[in-house]
């Protein structure tokens, strides 16, 4: 009578290729999710087209000017007269940047006047928001 040898239990092993695939999928998912979380605190306006480097501001303050010359500061409606008083408390750091999101059909005069009032409030740097074109 011939007796069979008992089977040796195979040791489990960790496959690295599927783990790399899962890690890449998670990385891509989190990258896309973080891109969609970018918030400019502005209203939707028709921005002019242009090439610009990505923004690196820490706490951006957005000054939006619509085509019908209405002015918004972080989605709050302001006038030229109240712009400086409303903006001053928002500029926490001495080198704070103000993002100008002006509609391409907005009058240049109201845009320039808004920037001058923002400078009176203490804004030193202005970033112009543009629609990126390839």
N, C-alpha and C. Protein backbone atom coordinates (compact mmCIF):
# COMPACT_ATOMS: atom_id res chain seq x y z
N UNK A 1 0.83 -1.14 0.00
CA UNK A 1 0.00 0.00 0.00
C UNK A 1 0.90 1.23 0.00
N UNK A 2 0.55 2.14 -0.87
CA UNK A 2 1.34 3.35 -1.02
C UNK A 2 0.62 4.50 -0.33
N UNK A 3 1.28 5.13 0.58
CA UNK A 3 0.68 6.26 1.29
C UNK A 3 1.09 7.56 0.61
N UNK A 4 0.11 8.43 0.52
CA UNK A 4 0.40 9.73 -0.09
C UNK A 4 1.05 10.64 0.94
N UNK A 5 1.93 11.43 0.43
CA UNK A 5 2.53 12.44 1.29
C UNK A 5 1.52 13.54 1.55
N UNK A 6 1.49 14.00 2.75
CA UNK A 6 0.55 15.08 3.02
C UNK A 6 1.00 16.33 2.29
N UNK A 7 0.04 17.07 1.82
CA UNK A 7 0.37 18.28 1.06
C UNK A 7 0.98 19.31 1.97
N UNK A 8 1.96 19.93 1.47
CA UNK A 8 2.54 21.04 2.23
C UNK A 8 1.70 22.28 1.94
N UNK A 9 1.41 22.99 2.99
CA UNK A 9 0.63 24.21 2.81
C UNK A 9 1.52 25.27 2.16
N UNK A 10 0.99 25.87 1.09
CA UNK A 10 1.74 26.92 0.43
C UNK A 10 1.65 28.19 1.24
N UNK A 11 2.73 28.88 1.29
CA UNK A 11 2.73 30.15 1.99
C UNK A 11 2.10 31.21 1.10
N UNK A 12 1.29 32.08 1.71
CA UNK A 12 0.69 33.17 0.96
C UNK A 12 1.73 34.22 0.62
N UNK A 13 1.53 34.90 -0.45
CA UNK A 13 2.46 35.96 -0.80
C UNK A 13 1.69 37.18 -1.25
N UNK A 14 2.29 38.30 -1.02
CA UNK A 14 1.65 39.55 -1.36
C UNK A 14 2.05 39.93 -2.78
N UNK A 15 1.05 40.10 -3.62
CA UNK A 15 1.32 40.51 -4.99
C UNK A 15 1.45 42.02 -5.02
N UNK A 16 2.52 42.52 -5.60
CA UNK A 16 2.78 43.96 -5.56
C UNK A 16 2.12 44.71 -6.72
N UNK A 17 1.91 44.08 -7.85
CA UNK A 17 1.33 44.76 -9.02
C UNK A 17 -0.10 45.26 -8.73
N UNK A 18 -1.00 44.43 -8.19
CA UNK A 18 -2.33 44.96 -7.87
C UNK A 18 -2.30 46.06 -6.82
N UNK A 19 -1.35 45.97 -5.88
CA UNK A 19 -1.25 47.01 -4.86
C UNK A 19 -0.81 48.33 -5.48
N UNK A 20 0.08 48.28 -6.45
CA UNK A 20 0.51 49.50 -7.15
C UNK A 20 -0.67 50.08 -7.92
N UNK A 21 -1.46 49.24 -8.56
CA UNK A 21 -2.63 49.72 -9.30
C UNK A 21 -3.62 50.44 -8.38
N UNK A 22 -3.87 49.88 -7.22
CA UNK A 22 -4.79 50.49 -6.27
C UNK A 22 -4.24 51.82 -5.77
N UNK A 23 -2.95 51.87 -5.46
CA UNK A 23 -2.35 53.11 -4.98
C UNK A 23 -2.39 54.20 -6.06
N UNK A 24 -2.14 53.85 -7.30
CA UNK A 24 -2.21 54.83 -8.38
C UNK A 24 -3.63 55.35 -8.55
N UNK A 25 -4.61 54.46 -8.46
CA UNK A 25 -6.01 54.88 -8.57
C UNK A 25 -6.37 55.84 -7.43
N UNK A 26 -5.95 55.54 -6.20
CA UNK A 26 -6.23 56.43 -5.08
C UNK A 26 -5.54 57.78 -5.25
N UNK A 27 -4.30 57.76 -5.71
CA UNK A 27 -3.57 59.02 -5.93
C UNK A 27 -4.30 59.88 -6.96
N UNK A 28 -4.70 59.28 -8.08
CA UNK A 28 -5.39 60.04 -9.13
C UNK A 28 -6.73 60.57 -8.61
N UNK A 29 -7.44 59.77 -7.82
CA UNK A 29 -8.73 60.20 -7.27
C UNK A 29 -8.56 61.40 -6.34
N UNK A 30 -7.58 61.35 -5.45
CA UNK A 30 -7.38 62.45 -4.52
C UNK A 30 -6.87 63.70 -5.23
N UNK A 31 -6.07 63.54 -6.27
CA UNK A 31 -5.61 64.71 -7.03
C UNK A 31 -6.79 65.40 -7.70
N UNK A 32 -7.65 64.64 -8.33
CA UNK A 32 -8.81 65.24 -9.00
C UNK A 32 -9.78 65.85 -8.00
N UNK A 33 -9.94 65.21 -6.85
CA UNK A 33 -10.83 65.76 -5.82
C UNK A 33 -10.29 67.07 -5.28
N UNK A 34 -8.98 67.17 -5.08
CA UNK A 34 -8.41 68.41 -4.56
C UNK A 34 -8.49 69.54 -5.58
N UNK A 35 -8.39 69.22 -6.86
CA UNK A 35 -8.54 70.26 -7.88
C UNK A 35 -9.95 70.83 -7.92
N UNK A 36 -10.93 69.98 -7.67
CA UNK A 36 -12.31 70.46 -7.71
C UNK A 36 -12.67 71.26 -6.46
N UNK A 37 -11.84 71.22 -5.42
CA UNK A 37 -12.12 71.95 -4.19
C UNK A 37 -11.62 73.39 -4.22
N UNK A 38 -10.93 73.78 -5.28
CA UNK A 38 -10.40 75.13 -5.36
C UNK A 38 -11.57 76.11 -5.42
N UNK A 39 -11.53 77.11 -4.54
CA UNK A 39 -12.64 78.06 -4.42
C UNK A 39 -12.07 79.47 -4.48
N UNK A 40 -12.54 80.26 -5.43
CA UNK A 40 -12.04 81.61 -5.58
C UNK A 40 -12.91 82.65 -4.86
N UNK A 41 -14.01 82.25 -4.26
CA UNK A 41 -14.93 83.17 -3.61
C UNK A 41 -15.41 84.25 -4.58
N UNK A 42 -15.69 83.88 -5.80
CA UNK A 42 -16.16 84.87 -6.76
C UNK A 42 -17.42 84.36 -7.44
N UNK A 43 -18.08 85.26 -8.10
CA UNK A 43 -19.28 84.93 -8.86
C UNK A 43 -18.86 84.54 -10.26
N UNK A 44 -19.69 83.76 -10.96
CA UNK A 44 -19.33 83.40 -12.32
C UNK A 44 -19.43 84.59 -13.26
N UNK A 45 -18.32 84.97 -13.85
CA UNK A 45 -18.28 86.04 -14.84
C UNK A 45 -17.52 85.53 -16.05
N UNK A 46 -17.68 86.21 -17.16
CA UNK A 46 -17.01 85.83 -18.40
C UNK A 46 -15.60 86.43 -18.37
N UNK A 47 -14.61 85.65 -17.94
CA UNK A 47 -13.25 86.14 -17.79
C UNK A 47 -12.56 86.27 -19.14
N UNK A 48 -11.64 87.21 -19.26
CA UNK A 48 -10.86 87.28 -20.50
C UNK A 48 -9.93 86.09 -20.59
N UNK A 49 -9.53 85.76 -21.81
CA UNK A 49 -8.65 84.60 -22.00
C UNK A 49 -7.20 85.02 -21.95
N UNK A 50 -6.35 84.12 -21.50
CA UNK A 50 -4.92 84.41 -21.43
C UNK A 50 -4.16 83.27 -20.81
N UNK A 51 -2.85 83.42 -20.75
CA UNK A 51 -1.96 82.44 -20.15
C UNK A 51 -1.50 82.99 -18.81
N UNK A 52 -1.57 82.17 -17.78
CA UNK A 52 -1.16 82.62 -16.45
C UNK A 52 -0.67 81.42 -15.65
N UNK A 53 0.23 81.69 -14.73
CA UNK A 53 0.71 80.65 -13.82
C UNK A 53 -0.35 80.40 -12.75
N UNK A 54 -0.38 79.21 -12.18
CA UNK A 54 -1.36 78.93 -11.11
C UNK A 54 -1.16 79.85 -9.91
N UNK A 55 -2.26 80.15 -9.24
CA UNK A 55 -2.25 81.07 -8.12
C UNK A 55 -1.67 80.40 -6.88
N UNK A 56 -0.87 81.14 -6.11
CA UNK A 56 -0.26 80.62 -4.89
C UNK A 56 -0.64 81.44 -3.67
N UNK A 57 -1.78 82.10 -3.69
CA UNK A 57 -2.19 82.94 -2.56
C UNK A 57 -2.67 82.07 -1.41
N UNK A 58 -2.41 82.52 -0.16
CA UNK A 58 -2.79 81.75 1.02
C UNK A 58 -4.27 81.97 1.34
N UNK A 59 -4.66 83.19 1.57
CA UNK A 59 -6.05 83.52 1.87
C UNK A 59 -6.50 84.58 0.88
N UNK A 60 -6.94 84.16 -0.29
CA UNK A 60 -7.26 85.15 -1.32
C UNK A 60 -8.54 85.92 -1.01
N UNK A 61 -8.51 87.18 -1.36
CA UNK A 61 -9.69 88.05 -1.31
C UNK A 61 -10.04 88.33 -2.77
N UNK A 62 -11.26 88.04 -3.16
CA UNK A 62 -11.64 88.18 -4.56
C UNK A 62 -12.55 89.39 -4.75
N UNK A 63 -12.15 90.25 -5.66
CA UNK A 63 -12.93 91.43 -6.04
C UNK A 63 -13.52 91.14 -7.42
N UNK A 64 -14.84 90.96 -7.46
CA UNK A 64 -15.52 90.60 -8.71
C UNK A 64 -16.25 91.81 -9.25
N UNK A 65 -16.07 92.05 -10.55
CA UNK A 65 -16.77 93.15 -11.23
C UNK A 65 -17.54 92.54 -12.39
N UNK A 66 -18.86 92.72 -12.38
CA UNK A 66 -19.71 92.11 -13.40
C UNK A 66 -19.82 93.03 -14.62
N UNK A 67 -20.43 92.52 -15.66
CA UNK A 67 -20.58 93.28 -16.90
C UNK A 67 -21.45 94.52 -16.71
N UNK A 68 -22.38 94.48 -15.74
CA UNK A 68 -23.24 95.64 -15.50
C UNK A 68 -22.69 96.54 -14.38
N UNK A 69 -21.38 96.50 -14.15
CA UNK A 69 -20.64 97.38 -13.23
C UNK A 69 -20.98 97.18 -11.75
N UNK A 70 -21.50 96.03 -11.38
CA UNK A 70 -21.71 95.75 -9.97
C UNK A 70 -20.41 95.20 -9.38
N UNK A 71 -20.14 95.54 -8.13
CA UNK A 71 -18.88 95.16 -7.47
C UNK A 71 -19.22 94.23 -6.31
N UNK A 72 -18.48 93.11 -6.23
CA UNK A 72 -18.65 92.14 -5.16
C UNK A 72 -17.29 91.87 -4.53
N UNK A 73 -17.28 91.75 -3.22
CA UNK A 73 -16.07 91.44 -2.47
C UNK A 73 -16.34 90.12 -1.75
N UNK A 74 -15.71 89.04 -2.23
CA UNK A 74 -15.99 87.69 -1.72
C UNK A 74 -17.49 87.39 -1.71
N UNK A 75 -18.15 87.63 -2.82
CA UNK A 75 -19.58 87.40 -3.04
C UNK A 75 -20.49 88.33 -2.25
N UNK A 76 -19.94 89.36 -1.61
CA UNK A 76 -20.75 90.33 -0.88
C UNK A 76 -20.80 91.61 -1.70
N UNK A 77 -21.98 92.11 -1.97
CA UNK A 77 -22.15 93.30 -2.79
C UNK A 77 -21.65 94.54 -2.04
N UNK A 78 -20.81 95.33 -2.73
CA UNK A 78 -20.29 96.58 -2.18
C UNK A 78 -20.39 97.66 -3.26
N UNK A 79 -20.21 98.91 -2.84
CA UNK A 79 -20.14 100.02 -3.79
C UNK A 79 -18.71 100.57 -3.77
N UNK A 80 -18.42 101.49 -4.67
CA UNK A 80 -17.09 102.10 -4.69
C UNK A 80 -16.82 102.84 -3.38
N UNK A 81 -17.85 103.43 -2.80
CA UNK A 81 -17.68 104.19 -1.57
C UNK A 81 -17.41 103.28 -0.37
N UNK A 82 -18.01 102.09 -0.33
CA UNK A 82 -17.85 101.19 0.82
C UNK A 82 -16.78 100.13 0.60
N UNK A 83 -16.15 100.12 -0.58
CA UNK A 83 -15.17 99.08 -0.91
C UNK A 83 -13.98 99.10 0.04
N UNK A 84 -13.37 100.25 0.27
CA UNK A 84 -12.17 100.33 1.11
C UNK A 84 -12.48 99.93 2.55
N UNK A 85 -13.60 100.38 3.08
CA UNK A 85 -13.94 100.05 4.46
C UNK A 85 -14.25 98.56 4.63
N UNK A 86 -14.85 97.95 3.61
CA UNK A 86 -15.18 96.53 3.68
C UNK A 86 -13.94 95.66 3.48
N UNK A 87 -13.02 96.12 2.63
CA UNK A 87 -11.83 95.33 2.30
C UNK A 87 -10.77 95.37 3.39
N UNK A 88 -10.64 96.47 4.09
CA UNK A 88 -9.56 96.64 5.07
C UNK A 88 -9.50 95.51 6.11
N UNK A 89 -10.62 95.09 6.73
CA UNK A 89 -10.52 93.99 7.71
C UNK A 89 -10.18 92.63 7.09
N UNK A 90 -10.42 92.48 5.78
CA UNK A 90 -10.12 91.20 5.12
C UNK A 90 -8.65 91.03 4.79
N UNK A 91 -7.91 92.12 4.75
CA UNK A 91 -6.47 92.04 4.45
C UNK A 91 -5.71 91.78 5.74
N UNK A 92 -5.55 90.49 6.06
CA UNK A 92 -4.96 90.10 7.34
C UNK A 92 -3.45 90.27 7.35
N UNK A 93 -2.80 89.99 6.25
CA UNK A 93 -1.35 90.06 6.17
C UNK A 93 -0.95 91.33 5.42
N UNK A 94 0.22 91.88 5.72
CA UNK A 94 0.62 93.12 5.04
C UNK A 94 0.83 92.95 3.53
N UNK A 95 1.19 91.74 3.10
CA UNK A 95 1.40 91.52 1.66
C UNK A 95 0.27 90.69 1.07
N UNK A 96 -0.96 90.90 1.53
CA UNK A 96 -2.11 90.15 1.03
C UNK A 96 -2.38 90.50 -0.43
N UNK A 97 -2.84 89.50 -1.15
CA UNK A 97 -3.17 89.69 -2.56
C UNK A 97 -4.68 89.80 -2.73
N UNK A 98 -5.08 90.59 -3.70
CA UNK A 98 -6.49 90.72 -4.06
C UNK A 98 -6.62 90.19 -5.48
N UNK A 99 -7.53 89.24 -5.67
CA UNK A 99 -7.77 88.67 -7.00
C UNK A 99 -8.85 89.50 -7.67
N UNK A 100 -8.54 90.03 -8.83
CA UNK A 100 -9.50 90.82 -9.61
C UNK A 100 -10.13 89.89 -10.65
N UNK A 101 -11.42 89.61 -10.49
CA UNK A 101 -12.16 88.78 -11.44
C UNK A 101 -13.16 89.69 -12.14
N UNK A 102 -12.70 90.37 -13.17
CA UNK A 102 -13.55 91.33 -13.89
C UNK A 102 -14.07 90.67 -15.15
N UNK A 103 -15.35 90.84 -15.40
CA UNK A 103 -15.96 90.35 -16.63
C UNK A 103 -15.28 91.05 -17.81
N UNK A 104 -15.12 90.32 -18.92
CA UNK A 104 -14.45 90.93 -20.07
C UNK A 104 -15.28 92.07 -20.66
N UNK A 105 -16.57 92.12 -20.36
CA UNK A 105 -17.42 93.21 -20.85
C UNK A 105 -17.58 94.33 -19.82
N UNK A 106 -16.92 94.22 -18.68
CA UNK A 106 -17.02 95.26 -17.65
C UNK A 106 -16.26 96.50 -18.10
N UNK A 107 -16.78 97.68 -17.78
CA UNK A 107 -16.07 98.91 -18.17
C UNK A 107 -14.72 99.00 -17.45
N UNK A 108 -13.71 99.44 -18.20
CA UNK A 108 -12.37 99.55 -17.62
C UNK A 108 -12.32 100.58 -16.51
N UNK A 109 -13.11 101.62 -16.60
CA UNK A 109 -13.09 102.67 -15.59
C UNK A 109 -13.48 102.16 -14.21
N UNK A 110 -14.53 101.36 -14.13
CA UNK A 110 -14.97 100.83 -12.84
C UNK A 110 -13.95 99.85 -12.28
N UNK A 111 -13.29 99.12 -13.16
CA UNK A 111 -12.25 98.18 -12.72
C UNK A 111 -11.07 98.93 -12.12
N UNK A 112 -10.63 99.97 -12.80
CA UNK A 112 -9.49 100.75 -12.31
C UNK A 112 -9.86 101.47 -11.01
N UNK A 113 -11.06 102.04 -10.96
CA UNK A 113 -11.49 102.72 -9.73
C UNK A 113 -11.56 101.74 -8.55
N UNK A 114 -12.02 100.52 -8.81
CA UNK A 114 -12.08 99.51 -7.76
C UNK A 114 -10.69 99.14 -7.27
N UNK A 115 -9.75 99.03 -8.19
CA UNK A 115 -8.37 98.70 -7.80
C UNK A 115 -7.75 99.84 -7.00
N UNK A 116 -8.04 101.08 -7.37
CA UNK A 116 -7.52 102.22 -6.61
C UNK A 116 -8.11 102.26 -5.19
N UNK A 117 -9.40 101.96 -5.06
CA UNK A 117 -10.01 101.92 -3.73
C UNK A 117 -9.44 100.77 -2.91
N UNK A 118 -9.15 99.66 -3.55
CA UNK A 118 -8.54 98.53 -2.85
C UNK A 118 -7.12 98.89 -2.39
N UNK A 119 -6.40 99.63 -3.20
CA UNK A 119 -5.07 100.08 -2.80
C UNK A 119 -5.16 101.03 -1.61
N UNK A 120 -6.19 101.89 -1.58
CA UNK A 120 -6.40 102.77 -0.42
C UNK A 120 -6.66 101.96 0.85
N UNK A 121 -7.27 100.78 0.70
CA UNK A 121 -7.56 99.93 1.86
C UNK A 121 -6.32 99.18 2.35
N UNK A 122 -5.24 99.19 1.56
CA UNK A 122 -4.01 98.53 1.99
C UNK A 122 -3.57 97.37 1.11
N UNK A 123 -4.28 97.09 0.02
CA UNK A 123 -3.89 96.00 -0.87
C UNK A 123 -2.62 96.40 -1.62
N UNK A 124 -1.64 95.52 -1.63
CA UNK A 124 -0.38 95.79 -2.28
C UNK A 124 -0.22 95.05 -3.61
N UNK A 125 -0.78 93.83 -3.68
CA UNK A 125 -0.60 92.99 -4.86
C UNK A 125 -1.96 92.64 -5.45
N UNK A 126 -2.06 92.71 -6.76
CA UNK A 126 -3.28 92.36 -7.46
C UNK A 126 -3.00 91.20 -8.40
N UNK A 127 -3.87 90.20 -8.39
CA UNK A 127 -3.80 89.08 -9.31
C UNK A 127 -5.02 89.17 -10.22
N UNK A 128 -4.81 89.10 -11.52
CA UNK A 128 -5.90 89.21 -12.48
C UNK A 128 -6.34 87.80 -12.88
N UNK A 129 -7.61 87.47 -12.63
CA UNK A 129 -8.13 86.16 -12.99
C UNK A 129 -8.43 86.11 -14.48
N UNK A 130 -7.95 85.07 -15.14
CA UNK A 130 -8.18 84.88 -16.56
C UNK A 130 -8.64 83.45 -16.79
N UNK A 131 -9.32 83.24 -17.91
CA UNK A 131 -9.72 81.90 -18.32
C UNK A 131 -8.56 81.31 -19.09
N UNK A 132 -8.05 80.16 -18.64
CA UNK A 132 -6.88 79.54 -19.26
C UNK A 132 -7.24 78.96 -20.63
N UNK A 133 -6.42 79.27 -21.61
CA UNK A 133 -6.59 78.71 -22.95
C UNK A 133 -5.35 77.89 -23.27
N UNK A 134 -5.57 76.84 -24.04
CA UNK A 134 -4.43 75.97 -24.39
C UNK A 134 -3.78 76.39 -25.66
